[in-house]
Each structure stands twice: as structure tokens, then as C-alpha cells.
Amino acid sequence: MKASTPTADSNARMCLADDAVHVWHFPYARAQGRAPLLEILAHYLGGTAQEIRLVAGEHGRPGLAGASARALDFNWSHCVDHAAVVLAVGLAPGIDIERLDERANALRLAQRYFHPAEIASLAALPTAARSRAFLELWTAKEAVLKAMGRGLAFGLHRLQVSGGPSPRLVALEGEDPAAWQLHRPALDGAHVAALAWRGGQRKLIMCRVDANPSAAGQDSHPVAPY
């Protein structure tokens, strides 16, 4: 998968080709709620954020009301200070983002929730390297579960991923892991994210949103891809 950096008029409706996946990332505060997500969706669909209607799937995954199988689909994730949104046409993507920080209990959490092979790989690392490795595994697993339309209740031990900058789905209970794409979009040095979907390879286009996370309820402003 290669990244693309087109130019675009940020005042125009954003176009999303069938062979592409768009990823937006931006500063975020929980007080903003879904406002930035709705602004981004309106940027693609036309109209206003207030006109966007979302519905929850069987396991809580949000989607567009009345969307068909070939319609725009999306997923989003946020941590303490950042958020990411992925959009695609004709497939259901999943994304997860976490802030990179020290996780003193990383190995203990892995032993409770992860696949045995992942636990072994973390245990073999120096303590100083475990926090990042744990988050790389966690975000990859969450991205796959979200693309499936499932949550953590599915069981993190029922799938196995490889970590690092080029993650791979090694095993997934009830599915062919070779049918999946798993990628790690480059954000910044303070966050780690993973992106997953079931289907063929697509071009990854990274985008940004200018927003002030300290202003509760302030609108976000989608801008051209970079």
C-alpha cells in the first residue's frame, strides 16, 4: 500500500475513490464529542454536520443511517488528546489510536487478554520496550475487531497479530487472515495507530483536521489531504 498526497480544494466536497482509503487525524478533546467526526462526514457527503444521522450496529459499531453495501463507510477512534477517522467505499474499515506512554502493567494485561504467542513475544522483550510493543499489538487487534463490527467482548485472544511498523494478521478465529489488510498509518511520535479491513489492497491517503481541542464544542475544520 502506498501513501498519496494529492492537492484538493478544501471548500469542495471531498471525493473518495473506490481504490482508496482516507485517514484523518487531529487533536481532540472529549468535550467535542462526535462534532469533528460529523464535520468530516459532511465534508464527503455534502450538507451540514447537523444533517448527518448515525446508527449503531449489532455490537455498537457506528454507521451511516440507510447506507448501502457500496456506500461510504467509516470508523473512528480517540484517546486522551488525539483522534483518527478512516473512510472507505465498499468495505468496512476499522481504526484504533492510543497515546504512547509507559504501561507498567503491559505484560500483565497481555497475559490476561492476548494470544499466547503475543504474550511470549512481549515477555521476550526488555522491559523498556514492552509499552510500545504492547500498544502496537493492542491497536492492531482493536482495528481488526472494529472492522469486523465487533468489540473487545469478542475476545482479544481469538486473533493473533504481529507488531512493529508493518503489522500482519496471523490468525483470526473463523476467518482467513490472508483476506485481511492490516497497516500502521504514520501519525506522530506521540501516538500509535492501526488500520484494518477485509479485502484487497488500497491506496492510503493521509489527511488532517485543524481544530482546537481546548475549546469545548468548537467546530473542526477539514482541510485538503497532505
C-alpha atoms as a PDB file:
ATOM      1  CA  MET A   1       0.000   0.000   0.000  1.00  0.00           C
ATOM      2  CA  LYS A   2       1.391   3.407  -0.884  1.00  0.00           C
ATOM      3  CA  ALA A   3       0.569   6.820   0.508  1.00  0.00           C
ATOM      4  CA  SER A   4      -0.787   9.505  -1.790  1.00  0.00           C
ATOM      5  CA  THR A   5      -0.549  13.274  -1.351  1.00  0.00           C
ATOM      6  CA  PRO A   6      -2.933  14.958  -3.794  1.00  0.00           C
ATOM      7  CA  THR A   7      -3.973  18.573  -3.719  1.00  0.00           C
ATOM      8  CA  ALA A   8      -7.613  19.493  -3.277  1.00  0.00           C
ATOM      9  CA  ASP A   9      -9.920  22.430  -2.723  1.00  0.00           C
ATOM     10  CA  SER A  10     -10.901  22.231   0.954  1.00  0.00           C
ATOM     11  CA  ASN A  11     -14.123  24.099   0.181  1.00  0.00           C
ATOM     12  CA  ALA A  12     -15.247  21.424  -2.243  1.00  0.00           C
ATOM     13  CA  ARG A  13     -16.893  18.130  -1.431  1.00  0.00           C
ATOM     14  CA  MET A  14     -14.165  15.560  -0.825  1.00  0.00           C
ATOM     15  CA  CYS A  15     -14.039  12.699  -3.331  1.00  0.00           C
ATOM     16  CA  LEU A  16     -13.131   9.180  -2.231  1.00  0.00           C
ATOM     17  CA  ALA A  17     -12.167   6.743  -4.991  1.00  0.00           C
ATOM     18  CA  ASP A  18     -13.151   3.078  -4.781  1.00  0.00           C
ATOM     19  CA  ASP A  19      -9.476   2.067  -4.646  1.00  0.00           C
ATOM     20  CA  ALA A  20      -8.519   4.381  -1.764  1.00  0.00           C
ATOM     21  CA  VAL A  21      -8.783   4.636   1.994  1.00  0.00           C
ATOM     22  CA  HIS A  22      -8.675   8.056   3.670  1.00  0.00           C
ATOM     23  CA  VAL A  23      -7.301   8.521   7.193  1.00  0.00           C
ATOM     24  CA  TRP A  24      -7.794  11.772   9.100  1.00  0.00           C
ATOM     25  CA  HIS A  25      -6.031  12.548  12.383  1.00  0.00           C
ATOM     26  CA  PHE A  26      -6.286  15.598  14.592  1.00  0.00           C
ATOM     27  CA  PRO A  27      -6.030  16.970  18.145  1.00  0.00           C
ATOM     28  CA  TYR A  28      -9.111  16.082  20.139  1.00  0.00           C
ATOM     29  CA  ALA A  29     -10.779  16.717  23.481  1.00  0.00           C
ATOM     30  CA  ARG A  30     -13.573  14.501  24.788  1.00  0.00           C
ATOM     31  CA  ALA A  31     -15.789  17.552  25.272  1.00  0.00           C
ATOM     32  CA  GLN A  32     -16.000  17.804  21.470  1.00  0.00           C
ATOM     33  CA  GLY A  33     -17.931  14.547  21.316  1.00  0.00           C
ATOM     34  CA  ARG A  34     -18.693  13.475  17.755  1.00  0.00           C
ATOM     35  CA  ALA A  35     -18.556  17.001  16.317  1.00  0.00           C
ATOM     36  CA  PRO A  36     -15.242  16.531  14.425  1.00  0.00           C
ATOM     37  CA  LEU A  37     -16.393  13.174  13.038  1.00  0.00           C
ATOM     38  CA  LEU A  38     -19.656  14.661  11.780  1.00  0.00           C
ATOM     39  CA  GLU A  39     -17.802  17.578  10.169  1.00  0.00           C
ATOM     40  CA  ILE A  40     -15.579  15.153   8.273  1.00  0.00           C
ATOM     41  CA  LEU A  41     -18.544  13.051   7.126  1.00  0.00           C
ATOM     42  CA  ALA A  42     -20.329  16.195   5.942  1.00  0.00           C
ATOM     43  CA  HIS A  43     -17.177  17.095   4.003  1.00  0.00           C
ATOM     44  CA  TYR A  44     -17.705  13.932   1.946  1.00  0.00           C
ATOM     45  CA  LEU A  45     -21.476  13.708   1.827  1.00  0.00           C
ATOM     46  CA  GLY A  46     -22.346  17.358   1.380  1.00  0.00           C
ATOM     47  CA  GLY A  47     -24.772  19.286   3.549  1.00  0.00           C
ATOM     48  CA  THR A  48     -24.029  20.057   7.173  1.00  0.00           C
ATOM     49  CA  ALA A  49     -22.820  18.094  10.169  1.00  0.00           C
ATOM     50  CA  GLN A  50     -26.230  18.562  11.766  1.00  0.00           C
ATOM     51  CA  GLU A  51     -27.823  16.599   8.903  1.00  0.00           C
ATOM     52  CA  ILE A  52     -25.653  13.502   9.381  1.00  0.00           C
ATOM     53  CA  ARG A  53     -27.506  10.619  11.030  1.00  0.00           C
ATOM     54  CA  LEU A  54     -25.602   7.748  12.598  1.00  0.00           C
ATOM     55  CA  VAL A  55     -26.885   4.355  13.689  1.00  0.00           C
ATOM     56  CA  ALA A  56     -25.274   1.666  15.865  1.00  0.00           C
ATOM     57  CA  GLY A  57     -24.693  -1.842  14.560  1.00  0.00           C
ATOM     58  CA  GLU A  58     -25.410  -5.029  16.461  1.00  0.00           C
ATOM     59  CA  HIS A  59     -22.272  -4.647  18.564  1.00  0.00           C
ATOM     60  CA  GLY A  60     -22.274  -0.848  18.699  1.00  0.00           C
ATOM     61  CA  ARG A  61     -20.171   0.000  15.638  1.00  0.00           C
ATOM     62  CA  PRO A  62     -21.441   3.361  14.301  1.00  0.00           C
ATOM     63  CA  GLY A  63     -22.508   3.678  10.691  1.00  0.00           C
ATOM     64  CA  LEU A  64     -24.452   5.992   8.411  1.00  0.00           C
ATOM     65  CA  ALA A  65     -28.220   5.650   8.520  1.00  0.00           C
ATOM     66  CA  GLY A  66     -29.555   3.983   5.381  1.00  0.00           C
ATOM     67  CA  ALA A  67     -26.110   3.236   3.956  1.00  0.00           C
ATOM     68  CA  SER A  68     -25.844   0.507   1.319  1.00  0.00           C
ATOM     69  CA  ALA A  69     -23.044  -2.037   0.967  1.00  0.00           C
ATOM     70  CA  ARG A  70     -21.348   0.161  -1.658  1.00  0.00           C
ATOM     71  CA  ALA A  71     -21.809   3.390   0.265  1.00  0.00           C
ATOM     72  CA  LEU A  72     -19.289   5.373   2.251  1.00  0.00           C
ATOM     73  CA  ASP A  73     -18.276   3.594   5.444  1.00  0.00           C
ATOM     74  CA  PHE A  74     -16.123   4.850   8.278  1.00  0.00           C
ATOM     75  CA  ASN A  75     -14.710   4.141  11.683  1.00  0.00           C
ATOM     76  CA  TRP A  76     -13.126   6.346  14.290  1.00  0.00           C
ATOM     77  CA  SER A  77     -11.114   6.194  17.486  1.00  0.00           C
ATOM     78  CA  HIS A  78      -9.893   8.687  20.073  1.00  0.00           C
ATOM     79  CA  CYS A  79      -7.555   8.685  23.032  1.00  0.00           C
ATOM     80  CA  VAL A  80      -6.839  11.351  25.632  1.00  0.00           C
ATOM     81  CA  ASP A  81      -5.713  14.053  23.184  1.00  0.00           C
ATOM     82  CA  HIS A  82      -5.973  12.808  19.605  1.00  0.00           C
ATOM     83  CA  ALA A  83      -8.492  11.201  17.253  1.00  0.00           C
ATOM     84  CA  ALA A  84      -8.408   9.369  13.943  1.00  0.00           C
ATOM     85  CA  VAL A  85     -11.108   8.711  11.337  1.00  0.00           C
ATOM     86  CA  VAL A  86     -10.902   6.246   8.450  1.00  0.00           C
ATOM     87  CA  LEU A  87     -13.253   6.289   5.447  1.00  0.00           C
ATOM     88  CA  ALA A  88     -13.693   3.925   2.501  1.00  0.00           C
ATOM     89  CA  VAL A  89     -16.251   2.908  -0.111  1.00  0.00           C
ATOM     90  CA  GLY A  90     -17.369  -0.692  -0.413  1.00  0.00           C
ATOM     91  CA  LEU A  91     -15.623  -2.046   2.659  1.00  0.00           C
ATOM     92  CA  ALA A  92     -15.835  -1.697   6.430  1.00  0.00           C
ATOM     93  CA  PRO A  93     -12.573  -0.315   7.860  1.00  0.00           C
ATOM     94  CA  GLY A  94     -11.511  -0.301  11.490  1.00  0.00           C
ATOM     95  CA  ILE A  95      -9.067   2.005  13.231  1.00  0.00           C
ATOM     96  CA  ASP A  96      -7.641   2.383  16.715  1.00  0.00           C
ATOM     97  CA  ILE A  97      -5.338   5.017  18.193  1.00  0.00           C
ATOM     98  CA  GLU A  98      -3.526   5.199  21.538  1.00  0.00           C
ATOM     99  CA  ARG A  99      -1.138   7.667  23.109  1.00  0.00           C
ATOM    100  CA  LEU A 100       2.368   6.306  23.574  1.00  0.00           C
ATOM    101  CA  ASP A 101       3.112   6.228  27.280  1.00  0.00           C
ATOM    102  CA  GLU A 102       4.580   3.893  29.826  1.00  0.00           C
ATOM    103  CA  ARG A 103       2.409   0.886  30.628  1.00  0.00           C
ATOM    104  CA  ALA A 104       3.942  -0.695  33.703  1.00  0.00           C
ATOM    105  CA  ASN A 105       1.288  -3.415  33.593  1.00  0.00           C
ATOM    106  CA  ALA A 106       1.680  -4.163  29.855  1.00  0.00           C
ATOM    107  CA  LEU A 107       2.825  -7.756  30.292  1.00  0.00           C
ATOM    108  CA  ARG A 108       0.222  -8.443  32.972  1.00  0.00           C
ATOM    109  CA  LEU A 109      -2.558  -7.144  30.697  1.00  0.00           C
ATOM    110  CA  ALA A 110      -1.252  -9.204  27.796  1.00  0.00           C
ATOM    111  CA  GLN A 111      -1.212 -12.328  29.947  1.00  0.00           C
ATOM    112  CA  ARG A 112      -4.848 -11.707  30.772  1.00  0.00           C
ATOM    113  CA  TYR A 113      -6.173 -10.884  27.307  1.00  0.00           C
ATOM    114  CA  PHE A 114      -3.746 -11.696  24.467  1.00  0.00           C
ATOM    115  CA  HIS A 115      -2.980 -14.736  22.332  1.00  0.00           C
ATOM    116  CA  PRO A 116      -0.261 -16.996  23.854  1.00  0.00           C
ATOM    117  CA  ALA A 117       2.182 -16.232  21.002  1.00  0.00           C
ATOM    118  CA  GLU A 118       1.798 -12.483  21.590  1.00  0.00           C
ATOM    119  CA  ILE A 119       2.372 -12.937  25.307  1.00  0.00           C
ATOM    120  CA  ALA A 120       5.575 -14.835  24.573  1.00  0.00           C
ATOM    121  CA  SER A 121       6.825 -12.128  22.204  1.00  0.00           C
ATOM    122  CA  LEU A 122       6.232  -9.412  24.800  1.00  0.00           C
ATOM    123  CA  ALA A 123       7.834 -11.426  27.587  1.00  0.00           C
ATOM    124  CA  ALA A 124      10.983 -11.806  25.474  1.00  0.00           C
ATOM    125  CA  LEU A 125      11.429  -8.030  25.140  1.00  0.00           C
ATOM    126  CA  PRO A 126      13.365  -5.776  27.517  1.00  0.00           C
ATOM    127  CA  THR A 127      11.027  -4.047  29.966  1.00  0.00           C
ATOM    128  CA  ALA A 128      11.699  -0.650  28.374  1.00  0.00           C
ATOM    129  CA  ALA A 129      10.422  -1.869  25.015  1.00  0.00           C
ATOM    130  CA  ARG A 130       7.225  -3.512  26.206  1.00  0.00           C
ATOM    131  CA  SER A 131       4.950  -0.463  26.406  1.00  0.00           C
ATOM    132  CA  ARG A 132       5.272   0.396  22.732  1.00  0.00           C
ATOM    133  CA  ALA A 133       5.128  -3.237  21.640  1.00  0.00           C
ATOM    134  CA  PHE A 134       2.007  -3.787  23.759  1.00  0.00           C
ATOM    135  CA  LEU A 135       0.262  -0.761  22.210  1.00  0.00           C
ATOM    136  CA  GLU A 136       1.236  -1.846  18.702  1.00  0.00           C
ATOM    137  CA  LEU A 137      -0.416  -5.205  19.320  1.00  0.00           C
ATOM    138  CA  TRP A 138      -3.417  -3.691  21.110  1.00  0.00           C
ATOM    139  CA  THR A 139      -4.221  -1.158  18.370  1.00  0.00           C
ATOM    140  CA  ALA A 140      -3.840  -3.771  15.629  1.00  0.00           C
ATOM    141  CA  LYS A 141      -6.176  -6.176  17.388  1.00  0.00           C
ATOM    142  CA  GLU A 142      -8.745  -3.474  18.107  1.00  0.00           C
ATOM    143  CA  ALA A 143      -8.652  -2.259  14.498  1.00  0.00           C
ATOM    144  CA  VAL A 144      -9.474  -5.772  13.262  1.00  0.00           C
ATOM    145  CA  LEU A 145     -12.288  -6.224  15.774  1.00  0.00           C
ATOM    146  CA  LYS A 146     -13.778  -2.854  14.842  1.00  0.00           C
ATOM    147  CA  ALA A 147     -13.612  -3.705  11.147  1.00  0.00           C
ATOM    148  CA  MET A 148     -15.488  -6.912  11.959  1.00  0.00           C
ATOM    149  CA  GLY A 149     -18.127  -4.831  13.697  1.00  0.00           C
ATOM    150  CA  ARG A 150     -17.233  -6.464  16.997  1.00  0.00           C
ATOM    151  CA  GLY A 151     -15.860  -5.163  20.260  1.00  0.00           C
ATOM    152  CA  LEU A 152     -13.494  -6.371  22.940  1.00  0.00           C
ATOM    153  CA  ALA A 153     -16.149  -8.834  24.091  1.00  0.00           C
ATOM    154  CA  PHE A 154     -15.260 -10.971  21.044  1.00  0.00           C
ATOM    155  CA  GLY A 155     -12.016 -11.848  22.827  1.00  0.00           C
ATOM    156  CA  LEU A 156      -8.564 -10.458  22.066  1.00  0.00           C
ATOM    157  CA  HIS A 157      -7.127 -13.970  22.415  1.00  0.00           C
ATOM    158  CA  ARG A 158      -9.134 -15.163  19.410  1.00  0.00           C
ATOM    159  CA  LEU A 159      -6.889 -13.342  16.968  1.00  0.00           C
ATOM    160  CA  GLN A 160      -3.127 -13.107  16.665  1.00  0.00           C
ATOM    161  CA  VAL A 161      -1.201 -10.220  15.109  1.00  0.00           C
ATOM    162  CA  SER A 162       2.435  -9.367  14.617  1.00  0.00           C
ATOM    163  CA  GLY A 163       3.607  -5.988  15.908  1.00  0.00           C
ATOM    164  CA  GLY A 164       6.086  -3.421  14.661  1.00  0.00           C
ATOM    165  CA  PRO A 165       5.780  -0.889  11.823  1.00  0.00           C
ATOM    166  CA  SER A 166       4.381  -3.500   9.395  1.00  0.00           C
ATOM    167  CA  PRO A 167       1.766  -5.455  11.348  1.00  0.00           C
ATOM    168  CA  ARG A 168       0.212  -8.633   9.992  1.00  0.00           C
ATOM    169  CA  LEU A 169      -2.882 -10.593  10.906  1.00  0.00           C
ATOM    170  CA  VAL A 170      -1.518 -14.058  11.686  1.00  0.00           C
ATOM    171  CA  ALA A 171      -4.701 -15.805  12.825  1.00  0.00           C
ATOM    172  CA  LEU A 172      -8.365 -14.941  13.279  1.00  0.00           C
ATOM    173  CA  GLU A 173     -10.852 -17.470  14.601  1.00  0.00           C
ATOM    174  CA  GLY A 174     -13.392 -18.378  11.932  1.00  0.00           C
ATOM    175  CA  GLU A 175     -11.717 -16.334   9.168  1.00  0.00           C
ATOM    176  CA  ASP A 176      -8.889 -16.489   6.658  1.00  0.00           C
ATOM    177  CA  PRO A 177      -6.262 -13.984   7.885  1.00  0.00           C
ATOM    178  CA  ALA A 178      -4.883 -13.696   4.339  1.00  0.00           C
ATOM    179  CA  ALA A 179      -8.129 -11.930   3.348  1.00  0.00           C
ATOM    180  CA  TRP A 180      -7.273  -9.000   5.621  1.00  0.00           C
ATOM    181  CA  GLN A 181      -5.210  -5.846   5.282  1.00  0.00           C
ATOM    182  CA  LEU A 182      -3.506  -4.516   8.413  1.00  0.00           C
ATOM    183  CA  HIS A 183      -1.468  -1.302   8.352  1.00  0.00           C
ATOM    184  CA  ARG A 184       0.071   1.214  10.708  1.00  0.00           C
ATOM    185  CA  PRO A 185      -0.534   4.794   9.481  1.00  0.00           C
ATOM    186  CA  ALA A 186       2.250   7.239  10.351  1.00  0.00           C
ATOM    187  CA  LEU A 187       0.873   9.885  12.712  1.00  0.00           C
ATOM    188  CA  ASP A 188       3.471  11.453  15.010  1.00  0.00           C
ATOM    189  CA  GLY A 189       5.943  10.420  17.674  1.00  0.00           C
ATOM    190  CA  ALA A 190       3.388  10.612  20.473  1.00  0.00           C
ATOM    191  CA  HIS A 191       0.727   8.194  19.199  1.00  0.00           C
ATOM    192  CA  VAL A 192       0.406   4.757  17.684  1.00  0.00           C
ATOM    193  CA  ALA A 193      -2.469   3.647  15.466  1.00  0.00           C
ATOM    194  CA  ALA A 194      -3.527   0.679  13.367  1.00  0.00           C
ATOM    195  CA  LEU A 195      -5.889   0.345  10.435  1.00  0.00           C
ATOM    196  CA  ALA A 196      -7.604  -2.841   9.222  1.00  0.00           C
ATOM    197  CA  TRP A 197     -10.095  -4.011   6.641  1.00  0.00           C
ATOM    198  CA  ARG A 198     -11.222  -7.228   4.996  1.00  0.00           C
ATOM    199  CA  GLY A 199     -10.450  -7.006   1.284  1.00  0.00           C
ATOM    200  CA  GLY A 200      -7.764  -6.164  -1.245  1.00  0.00           C
ATOM    201  CA  GLN A 201      -5.044  -3.554  -1.055  1.00  0.00           C
ATOM    202  CA  ARG A 202      -5.915   0.098  -1.499  1.00  0.00           C
ATOM    203  CA  LYS A 203      -4.083   3.415  -1.637  1.00  0.00           C
ATOM    204  CA  LEU A 204      -3.792   5.095   1.745  1.00  0.00           C
ATOM    205  CA  ILE A 205      -4.355   8.852   1.715  1.00  0.00           C
ATOM    206  CA  MET A 206      -3.474  10.715   4.904  1.00  0.00           C
ATOM    207  CA  CYS A 207      -5.465  13.856   5.748  1.00  0.00           C
ATOM    208  CA  ARG A 208      -5.588  16.315   8.619  1.00  0.00           C
ATOM    209  CA  VAL A 209      -8.087  18.458  10.504  1.00  0.00           C
ATOM    210  CA  ASP A 210      -7.303  21.833  12.011  1.00  0.00           C
ATOM    211  CA  ALA A 211      -9.093  22.064  15.365  1.00  0.00           C
ATOM    212  CA  ASN A 212      -8.554  23.492  18.822  1.00  0.00           C
ATOM    213  CA  PRO A 213      -9.104  20.663  21.309  1.00  0.00           C
ATOM    214  CA  SER A 214      -9.198  23.052  24.272  1.00  0.00           C
ATOM    215  CA  ALA A 215     -12.350  24.777  23.044  1.00  0.00           C
ATOM    216  CA  ALA A 216     -15.313  22.638  24.076  1.00  0.00           C
ATOM    217  CA  GLY A 217     -17.747  22.167  21.230  1.00  0.00           C
ATOM    218  CA  GLN A 218     -15.665  24.150  18.747  1.00  0.00           C
ATOM    219  CA  ASP A 219     -16.129  23.072  15.144  1.00  0.00           C
ATOM    220  CA  SER A 220     -13.281  21.243  13.486  1.00  0.00           C
ATOM    221  CA  HIS A 221     -12.179  22.312  10.015  1.00  0.00           C
ATOM    222  CA  PRO A 222     -11.369  19.632   7.447  1.00  0.00           C
ATOM    223  CA  VAL A 223      -8.583  20.664   5.071  1.00  0.00           C
ATOM    224  CA  ALA A 224      -7.012  19.177   1.969  1.00  0.00           C
ATOM    225  CA  PRO A 225      -5.086  15.921   2.120  1.00  0.00           C
ATOM    226  CA  TYR A 226      -1.331  16.173   2.585  1.00  0.00           C
END
